[in-house]
C-alpha atoms as a PDB file:
ATOM      1  CA  MET A   1       9.462 -11.323 -18.909  1.00  0.00           C
ATOM      2  CA  SER A   2      11.750  -9.154 -18.133  1.00  0.00           C
ATOM      3  CA  LEU A   3      13.571  -9.756 -14.196  1.00  0.00           C
ATOM      4  CA  LYS A   4      12.500  -6.060 -13.186  1.00  0.00           C
ATOM      5  CA  ILE A   5       8.839  -6.906 -14.395  1.00  0.00           C
ATOM      6  CA  LEU A   6       9.095  -9.590 -13.015  1.00  0.00           C
ATOM      7  CA  SER A   7      10.485  -8.793  -9.409  1.00  0.00           C
ATOM      8  CA  ILE A   8       7.859  -5.729  -9.451  1.00  0.00           C
ATOM      9  CA  THR A   9       5.387  -8.375  -9.662  1.00  0.00           C
ATOM     10  CA  LEU A  10       6.906 -10.906  -7.105  1.00  0.00           C
ATOM     11  CA  LEU A  11       6.785  -8.017  -5.001  1.00  0.00           C
ATOM     12  CA  LEU A  12       3.819  -6.900  -5.098  1.00  0.00           C
ATOM     13  CA  LEU A  13       2.146 -10.148  -4.611  1.00  0.00           C
ATOM     14  CA  SER A  14       4.566 -10.849  -2.192  1.00  0.00           C
ATOM     15  CA  VAL A  15       5.351  -7.828   0.181  1.00  0.00           C
ATOM     16  CA  CYS A  16       1.729  -6.107   0.153  1.00  0.00           C
ATOM     17  CA  VAL A  17      -0.877  -6.717  -1.498  1.00  0.00           C
ATOM     18  CA  CYS A  18      -3.305  -6.045   0.872  1.00  0.00           C
ATOM     19  CA  CYS A  19      -5.032  -8.278   3.542  1.00  0.00           C
ATOM     20  CA  HIS A  20      -8.015  -7.664   5.168  1.00  0.00           C
ATOM     21  CA  SER A  21      -7.693  -8.741   9.327  1.00  0.00           C
ATOM     22  CA  SER A  22     -10.132  -7.499  12.389  1.00  0.00           C
ATOM     23  CA  GLU A  23     -13.560  -7.090  12.231  1.00  0.00           C
ATOM     24  CA  ASP A  24     -14.585  -3.727  13.804  1.00  0.00           C
ATOM     25  CA  SER A  25     -16.431  -4.405  17.142  1.00  0.00           C
ATOM     26  CA  ALA A  26     -18.884  -1.633  16.135  1.00  0.00           C
ATOM     27  CA  ARG A  27     -19.917  -2.448  12.534  1.00  0.00           C
ATOM     28  CA  PRO A  28     -19.986  -6.458  12.747  1.00  0.00           C
ATOM     29  CA  GLY A  29     -18.898  -7.440   8.872  1.00  0.00           C
ATOM     30  CA  LYS A  30     -16.706  -4.308   7.826  1.00  0.00           C
ATOM     31  CA  LYS A  31     -13.520  -5.355   7.744  1.00  0.00           C
ATOM     32  CA  HIS A  32     -10.732  -2.641   7.850  1.00  0.00           C
ATOM     33  CA  PRO A  33      -7.210  -3.199   5.364  1.00  0.00           C
ATOM     34  CA  CYS A  34      -4.395  -4.443   6.485  1.00  0.00           C
ATOM     35  CA  CYS A  35      -0.254  -3.773   5.299  1.00  0.00           C
ATOM     36  CA  PRO A  36       1.697  -6.745   7.576  1.00  0.00           C
ATOM     37  CA  ALA A  37       4.854  -5.229   6.030  1.00  0.00           C
ATOM     38  CA  VAL A  38       5.581  -2.307   3.451  1.00  0.00           C
ATOM     39  CA  THR A  39       7.939  -1.315   1.146  1.00  0.00           C
ATOM     40  CA  THR A  40      10.575   1.126   0.450  1.00  0.00           C
ATOM     41  CA  ILE A  41      11.605   0.267  -3.323  1.00  0.00           C
ATOM     42  CA  ASP A  42      10.072   3.424  -5.176  1.00  0.00           C
ATOM     43  CA  MET A  43       7.206   2.436  -7.076  1.00  0.00           C
ATOM     44  CA  SER A  44       5.600   5.517  -8.279  1.00  0.00           C
ATOM     45  CA  PRO A  45       5.124   3.982 -11.418  1.00  0.00           C
ATOM     46  CA  GLU A  46       3.154   1.204 -10.988  1.00  0.00           C
ATOM     47  CA  VAL A  47       1.082   3.352  -8.588  1.00  0.00           C
ATOM     48  CA  VAL A  48      -2.733   4.166 -10.846  1.00  0.00           C
ATOM     49  CA  GLY A  49      -5.284   6.799  -9.628  1.00  0.00           C
ATOM     50  CA  GLU A  50      -4.762   9.630  -7.659  1.00  0.00           C
ATOM     51  CA  THR A  51      -6.020   8.628  -4.361  1.00  0.00           C
ATOM     52  CA  TYR A  52      -4.706   7.178  -1.679  1.00  0.00           C
ATOM     53  CA  HIS A  53      -5.232   5.561   2.368  1.00  0.00           C
ATOM     54  CA  GLU A  54      -3.166   6.410   5.151  1.00  0.00           C
ATOM     55  CA  LEU A  55      -3.321   3.550   7.395  1.00  0.00           C
ATOM     56  CA  PRO A  56      -2.592   3.134  11.172  1.00  0.00           C
ATOM     57  CA  ALA A  57      -0.373   1.269  13.120  1.00  0.00           C
ATOM     58  CA  ARG A  58      -2.830  -2.248  14.537  1.00  0.00           C
ATOM     59  CA  PRO A  59      -0.779  -5.075  15.571  1.00  0.00           C
ATOM     60  CA  PRO A  60      -0.036  -6.848  13.429  1.00  0.00           C
ATOM     61  CA  CYS A  61      -0.747  -4.089  10.595  1.00  0.00           C
ATOM     62  CA  VAL A  62       1.533  -1.780  10.440  1.00  0.00           C
ATOM     63  CA  LYS A  63       1.499   1.921   9.459  1.00  0.00           C
ATOM     64  CA  ALA A  64       1.763   2.648   6.127  1.00  0.00           C
ATOM     65  CA  ILE A  65       0.117   4.529   3.026  1.00  0.00           C
ATOM     66  CA  LEU A  66      -2.010   1.885   0.797  1.00  0.00           C
ATOM     67  CA  PHE A  67      -2.052   3.034  -3.332  1.00  0.00           C
ATOM     68  CA  ASN A  68      -3.626   1.594  -6.054  1.00  0.00           C
ATOM     69  CA  THR A  69      -1.782  -0.299  -8.794  1.00  0.00           C
ATOM     70  CA  GLU A  70      -2.519  -2.548 -11.332  1.00  0.00           C
ATOM     71  CA  TYR A  71      -2.079  -5.856  -9.803  1.00  0.00           C
ATOM     72  CA  GLY A  72      -3.596  -4.757  -6.771  1.00  0.00           C
ATOM     73  CA  GLN A  73      -3.260  -2.566  -3.408  1.00  0.00           C
ATOM     74  CA  LEU A  74       0.432  -1.505  -2.277  1.00  0.00           C
ATOM     75  CA  CYS A  75       1.400  -0.799   0.973  1.00  0.00           C
ATOM     76  CA  ALA A  76       4.776   1.538   1.279  1.00  0.00           C
ATOM     77  CA  ASP A  77       6.355   2.806   4.469  1.00  0.00           C
ATOM     78  CA  PRO A  78       4.859   6.206   4.963  1.00  0.00           C
ATOM     79  CA  ASP A  79       8.804   7.751   5.755  1.00  0.00           C
ATOM     80  CA  ALA A  80       9.998   6.998   2.511  1.00  0.00           C
ATOM     81  CA  GLN A  81      10.913  10.112  -0.059  1.00  0.00           C
ATOM     82  CA  TRP A  82       9.157   8.747  -3.109  1.00  0.00           C
ATOM     83  CA  VAL A  83       5.836   7.922  -0.941  1.00  0.00           C
ATOM     84  CA  LYS A  84       6.157  11.624   0.484  1.00  0.00           C
ATOM     85  CA  ASP A  85       6.313  13.006  -2.950  1.00  0.00           C
ATOM     86  CA  LEU A  86       4.146  11.069  -4.605  1.00  0.00           C
ATOM     87  CA  THR A  87       1.066  12.368  -1.620  1.00  0.00           C
ATOM     88  CA  ALA A  88       2.675  15.854  -1.897  1.00  0.00           C
ATOM     89  CA  LYS A  89       1.669  15.796  -5.975  1.00  0.00           C
ATOM     90  CA  MET A  90      -1.688  14.230  -5.202  1.00  0.00           C
ATOM     91  CA  ARG A  91      -2.684  15.950  -2.485  1.00  0.00           C
ATOM     92  CA  LYS A  92      -1.868  19.271  -5.103  1.00  0.00           C
ATOM     93  CA  GLU A  93      -4.330  17.773  -7.342  1.00  0.00           C
END
């Protein structure tokens, strides 16, 4: 396994495989996605599908864009240029 693939896999697993946190008091049992950290590294080649979700900051969660990847969900920095480019492309399609 190449070092690049191993690094990407570890990044996806450790930095931002999205976890679920607090329950919605209006709907018991419903969980909200939570990104405790985001990546700024360009992970656009790993993104699958044509959808994303914008997540607000709700401590301990940070503001993030949530993408789907082959390995799970990826929490990305909404201010990173690659994220802006990818979300703009997805909105056009």
